[in-house]
């Protein structure tokens, strides 16, 4: 079975289950509250900032957060269930 995430220290990418070449990312690298997440092909490491595609698990708050601005993934139960079906395990 494939690894669910490529780890870079505490940070990891979240790959789509059916499209493993696509990653979960903060849409357009925006930093405003309420910004949506989407899937996209990976950026080249070292070429451009990939912080909008890197995530980490915050053990204190039990949330998955983006490296971009430390905001957490926030969703209702239905969206969360859909996310789990579409993506390989988050952590």
C-alpha atoms as a PDB file:
ATOM      1  CA  UNK A   1       0.000   0.000   0.000  1.00  0.00           C
ATOM      2  CA  UNK A   2       1.289   3.473  -0.854  1.00  0.00           C
ATOM      3  CA  UNK A   3       2.288   5.954   1.789  1.00  0.00           C
ATOM      4  CA  UNK A   4      -0.461   8.486   2.471  1.00  0.00           C
ATOM      5  CA  UNK A   5       1.875  11.435   2.695  1.00  0.00           C
ATOM      6  CA  UNK A   6       5.385  12.467   1.880  1.00  0.00           C
ATOM      7  CA  UNK A   7       6.863  13.813   5.102  1.00  0.00           C
ATOM      8  CA  UNK A   8       9.127  16.847   5.314  1.00  0.00           C
ATOM      9  CA  UNK A   9       9.885  16.994   9.037  1.00  0.00           C
ATOM     10  CA  UNK A  10       6.536  17.534  10.750  1.00  0.00           C
ATOM     11  CA  UNK A  11       4.940  18.634   7.454  1.00  0.00           C
ATOM     12  CA  UNK A  12       3.298  16.383   4.894  1.00  0.00           C
ATOM     13  CA  UNK A  13       1.398  16.476   1.612  1.00  0.00           C
ATOM     14  CA  UNK A  14      -2.128  15.035   1.469  1.00  0.00           C
ATOM     15  CA  UNK A  15      -2.665  13.078  -1.749  1.00  0.00           C
ATOM     16  CA  UNK A  16      -5.985  12.344  -3.442  1.00  0.00           C
ATOM     17  CA  UNK A  17      -6.940   8.657  -3.238  1.00  0.00           C
ATOM     18  CA  UNK A  18      -8.020   8.261  -6.896  1.00  0.00           C
ATOM     19  CA  UNK A  19      -5.624  10.835  -8.344  1.00  0.00           C
ATOM     20  CA  UNK A  20      -2.409  10.329  -6.344  1.00  0.00           C
ATOM     21  CA  UNK A  21      -0.570  12.937  -8.392  1.00  0.00           C
ATOM     22  CA  UNK A  22      -2.930  15.612  -7.000  1.00  0.00           C
ATOM     23  CA  UNK A  23      -2.480  17.237  -3.589  1.00  0.00           C
ATOM     24  CA  UNK A  24      -4.808  19.029  -1.213  1.00  0.00           C
ATOM     25  CA  UNK A  25      -3.897  22.722  -1.095  1.00  0.00           C
ATOM     26  CA  UNK A  26      -5.091  26.096   0.131  1.00  0.00           C
ATOM     27  CA  UNK A  27      -6.741  27.566  -2.975  1.00  0.00           C
ATOM     28  CA  UNK A  28      -4.414  29.982  -4.798  1.00  0.00           C
ATOM     29  CA  UNK A  29      -2.213  30.229  -1.695  1.00  0.00           C
ATOM     30  CA  UNK A  30      -4.613  32.759  -0.168  1.00  0.00           C
ATOM     31  CA  UNK A  31      -4.307  33.556   3.527  1.00  0.00           C
ATOM     32  CA  UNK A  32      -7.766  34.990   4.304  1.00  0.00           C
ATOM     33  CA  UNK A  33     -10.074  33.217   6.734  1.00  0.00           C
ATOM     34  CA  UNK A  34     -12.615  31.068   4.937  1.00  0.00           C
ATOM     35  CA  UNK A  35     -10.352  30.373   1.961  1.00  0.00           C
ATOM     36  CA  UNK A  36     -11.326  27.094   0.308  1.00  0.00           C
ATOM     37  CA  UNK A  37      -9.104  24.077  -0.162  1.00  0.00           C
ATOM     38  CA  UNK A  38      -8.791  22.383  -3.523  1.00  0.00           C
ATOM     39  CA  UNK A  39      -6.640  19.813  -5.284  1.00  0.00           C
ATOM     40  CA  UNK A  40      -3.817  20.554  -7.662  1.00  0.00           C
ATOM     41  CA  UNK A  41      -0.681  19.047  -9.085  1.00  0.00           C
ATOM     42  CA  UNK A  42       2.332  19.468  -6.808  1.00  0.00           C
ATOM     43  CA  UNK A  43       4.550  22.516  -7.063  1.00  0.00           C
ATOM     44  CA  UNK A  44       8.264  21.890  -7.481  1.00  0.00           C
ATOM     45  CA  UNK A  45      10.102  21.852  -4.163  1.00  0.00           C
ATOM     46  CA  UNK A  46      12.666  24.637  -4.068  1.00  0.00           C
ATOM     47  CA  UNK A  47      11.193  26.331  -7.160  1.00  0.00           C
ATOM     48  CA  UNK A  48       8.226  28.091  -5.584  1.00  0.00           C
ATOM     49  CA  UNK A  49       6.771  28.137  -2.113  1.00  0.00           C
ATOM     50  CA  UNK A  50       4.828  24.951  -1.440  1.00  0.00           C
ATOM     51  CA  UNK A  51       3.569  26.060   1.971  1.00  0.00           C
ATOM     52  CA  UNK A  52      -0.015  26.081   0.611  1.00  0.00           C
ATOM     53  CA  UNK A  53       0.359  22.326  -0.086  1.00  0.00           C
ATOM     54  CA  UNK A  54       2.041  21.360   3.192  1.00  0.00           C
ATOM     55  CA  UNK A  55       0.089  20.298   6.283  1.00  0.00           C
ATOM     56  CA  UNK A  56       0.822  19.234   9.852  1.00  0.00           C
ATOM     57  CA  UNK A  57      -1.100  17.683  12.713  1.00  0.00           C
ATOM     58  CA  UNK A  58      -1.456  19.901  15.799  1.00  0.00           C
ATOM     59  CA  UNK A  59      -1.654  17.436  18.681  1.00  0.00           C
ATOM     60  CA  UNK A  60      -2.831  20.038  21.209  1.00  0.00           C
ATOM     61  CA  UNK A  61      -5.901  21.143  19.222  1.00  0.00           C
ATOM     62  CA  UNK A  62      -6.268  17.791  17.384  1.00  0.00           C
ATOM     63  CA  UNK A  63      -6.485  19.607  14.030  1.00  0.00           C
ATOM     64  CA  UNK A  64      -4.802  19.423  10.645  1.00  0.00           C
ATOM     65  CA  UNK A  65      -3.227  22.792   9.835  1.00  0.00           C
ATOM     66  CA  UNK A  66      -1.600  24.369   6.817  1.00  0.00           C
ATOM     67  CA  UNK A  67       2.033  25.476   6.904  1.00  0.00           C
ATOM     68  CA  UNK A  68       0.983  28.567   4.934  1.00  0.00           C
ATOM     69  CA  UNK A  69      -0.581  30.411   7.878  1.00  0.00           C
ATOM     70  CA  UNK A  70      -1.300  27.746  10.526  1.00  0.00           C
ATOM     71  CA  UNK A  71      -5.049  27.835   9.831  1.00  0.00           C
ATOM     72  CA  UNK A  72      -6.815  24.525  10.389  1.00  0.00           C
ATOM     73  CA  UNK A  73      -9.072  22.544   8.099  1.00  0.00           C
ATOM     74  CA  UNK A  74     -12.604  23.348   9.207  1.00  0.00           C
ATOM     75  CA  UNK A  75     -15.573  21.442   7.884  1.00  0.00           C
ATOM     76  CA  UNK A  76     -18.936  20.061   8.827  1.00  0.00           C
ATOM     77  CA  UNK A  77     -19.517  16.339   9.311  1.00  0.00           C
ATOM     78  CA  UNK A  78     -20.754  15.675   5.776  1.00  0.00           C
ATOM     79  CA  UNK A  79     -17.778  17.379   4.151  1.00  0.00           C
ATOM     80  CA  UNK A  80     -15.401  15.578   6.519  1.00  0.00           C
ATOM     81  CA  UNK A  81     -16.832  12.179   5.558  1.00  0.00           C
ATOM     82  CA  UNK A  82     -16.470  13.097   1.870  1.00  0.00           C
ATOM     83  CA  UNK A  83     -12.877  14.217   2.463  1.00  0.00           C
ATOM     84  CA  UNK A  84     -12.022  10.905   4.122  1.00  0.00           C
ATOM     85  CA  UNK A  85     -13.487   8.970   1.188  1.00  0.00           C
ATOM     86  CA  UNK A  86     -11.542  11.024  -1.375  1.00  0.00           C
ATOM     87  CA  UNK A  87      -8.205  11.330   0.381  1.00  0.00           C
ATOM     88  CA  UNK A  88      -5.798   8.873   1.892  1.00  0.00           C
ATOM     89  CA  UNK A  89      -5.499   9.101   5.692  1.00  0.00           C
ATOM     90  CA  UNK A  90      -4.628  12.582   6.895  1.00  0.00           C
ATOM     91  CA  UNK A  91      -2.065  11.501   9.461  1.00  0.00           C
END
